Amino acid sequence: MTFASSVGIIAAFLTTTAFVPQVVRVIRTRDTHAISLWMYLLFSAGVALWLAYGLLLMLWPVILANSVTLLLALVVIYFKLQEGRHSVPRAPQAG
């Protein structure tokens, strides 16, 4: 394994692992109120393009890391969309 491959694998591991605590928290609490749907949608589109790039060039660290990261981001998006469906509109407050 080359030094460049090792750097790529470590980088892929760190950036992918960084999403795990957020996903675990969302799954446990079902709370996505403070999470931006647009940020996750844009991020997921970027990750999907990185995945396509990795597939086109057969770069396994890029493919594996972005596959896992995309899956994790989609889990958060799923819960964010579910939260929007189940929220009850609040009545306007007099004041």
Protein backbone atom coordinates (compact mmCIF):
# COMPACT_ATOMS: atom_id res chain seq x y z
CA MET A 1 0.00 0.00 0.00
CA THR A 2 1.38 3.40 -0.95
CA PHE A 3 1.66 6.37 1.39
CA ALA A 4 -0.98 8.21 -0.67
CA SER A 5 -3.39 5.29 -0.29
CA SER A 6 -2.80 5.22 3.46
CA VAL A 7 -3.54 8.94 3.72
CA GLY A 8 -6.71 8.45 1.66
CA ILE A 9 -7.91 5.57 3.79
CA ILE A 10 -7.26 7.44 7.05
CA ALA A 11 -8.99 10.58 5.70
CA ALA A 12 -11.96 8.53 4.51
CA PHE A 13 -12.24 6.79 7.87
CA LEU A 14 -12.12 10.04 9.84
CA THR A 15 -14.60 11.98 7.71
CA THR A 16 -17.04 9.08 7.57
CA THR A 17 -16.76 8.32 11.28
CA ALA A 18 -17.46 11.98 12.08
CA PHE A 19 -21.09 11.47 11.02
CA VAL A 20 -21.76 8.49 13.26
CA PRO A 21 -22.46 10.44 16.50
CA GLN A 22 -24.99 12.68 14.72
CA VAL A 23 -26.81 9.72 13.19
CA VAL A 24 -26.84 7.80 16.48
CA ARG A 25 -28.26 10.87 18.24
CA VAL A 26 -30.96 11.34 15.60
CA ILE A 27 -31.94 7.67 15.73
CA ARG A 28 -32.08 7.67 19.56
CA THR A 29 -33.89 10.97 20.07
CA ARG A 30 -35.77 11.32 16.77
CA ASP A 31 -34.96 15.04 17.13
CA THR A 32 -33.83 16.78 13.95
CA HIS A 33 -35.23 20.21 14.75
CA ALA A 34 -31.81 21.90 14.77
CA ILE A 35 -30.63 20.16 11.59
CA SER A 36 -30.82 21.93 8.25
CA LEU A 37 -32.57 19.82 5.62
CA TRP A 38 -31.07 21.89 2.79
CA MET A 39 -27.54 21.41 4.14
CA TYR A 40 -28.03 17.65 4.30
CA LEU A 41 -29.58 17.55 0.82
CA LEU A 42 -26.70 19.55 -0.69
CA PHE A 43 -24.16 17.54 1.27
CA SER A 44 -25.72 14.25 0.12
CA ALA A 45 -25.66 15.41 -3.50
CA GLY A 46 -21.97 16.22 -3.14
CA VAL A 47 -21.24 12.88 -1.50
CA ALA A 48 -23.16 11.09 -4.27
CA LEU A 49 -20.99 12.87 -6.84
CA TRP A 50 -17.83 11.91 -4.93
CA LEU A 51 -19.13 8.33 -4.96
CA ALA A 52 -19.68 8.52 -8.72
CA TYR A 53 -16.17 9.95 -9.12
CA GLY A 54 -14.72 7.08 -7.09
CA LEU A 55 -16.67 4.54 -9.13
CA LEU A 56 -15.53 6.05 -12.42
CA LEU A 57 -11.89 5.88 -11.34
CA MET A 58 -12.26 2.73 -9.21
CA LEU A 59 -10.80 4.45 -6.14
CA TRP A 60 -11.83 2.10 -3.33
CA PRO A 61 -11.21 4.44 -0.39
CA VAL A 62 -13.40 7.06 -2.09
CA ILE A 63 -16.06 4.50 -2.99
CA LEU A 64 -16.28 2.93 0.47
CA ALA A 65 -16.14 6.15 2.45
CA ASN A 66 -18.71 7.95 0.35
CA SER A 67 -21.04 4.94 0.24
CA VAL A 68 -21.13 4.81 4.03
CA THR A 69 -21.30 8.61 4.40
CA LEU A 70 -24.17 8.82 1.91
CA LEU A 71 -26.06 6.12 3.78
CA LEU A 72 -25.56 7.95 7.09
CA ALA A 73 -26.66 11.27 5.61
CA LEU A 74 -29.74 9.66 4.07
CA VAL A 75 -30.71 8.29 7.49
CA VAL A 76 -30.64 11.82 8.90
CA ILE A 77 -32.64 13.12 5.92
CA TYR A 78 -35.20 10.37 6.42
CA PHE A 79 -35.71 11.32 10.06
CA LYS A 80 -35.79 15.02 9.18
CA LEU A 81 -38.56 14.39 6.65
CA GLN A 82 -40.44 12.22 9.15
CA GLU A 83 -40.26 15.01 11.72
CA GLY A 84 -41.80 17.41 9.22
CA ARG A 85 -44.68 15.01 8.56
CA HIS A 86 -45.48 14.48 12.21
CA SER A 87 -45.22 18.04 13.43
CA VAL A 88 -48.45 19.60 14.57
CA PRO A 89 -48.99 23.20 13.50
CA ARG A 90 -49.14 25.56 16.45
CA ALA A 91 -52.00 27.97 16.92
CA PRO A 92 -51.04 31.63 16.73
CA GLN A 93 -50.53 33.16 20.14
CA ALA A 94 -52.36 36.28 21.17
CA GLY A 95 -50.13 39.04 22.14
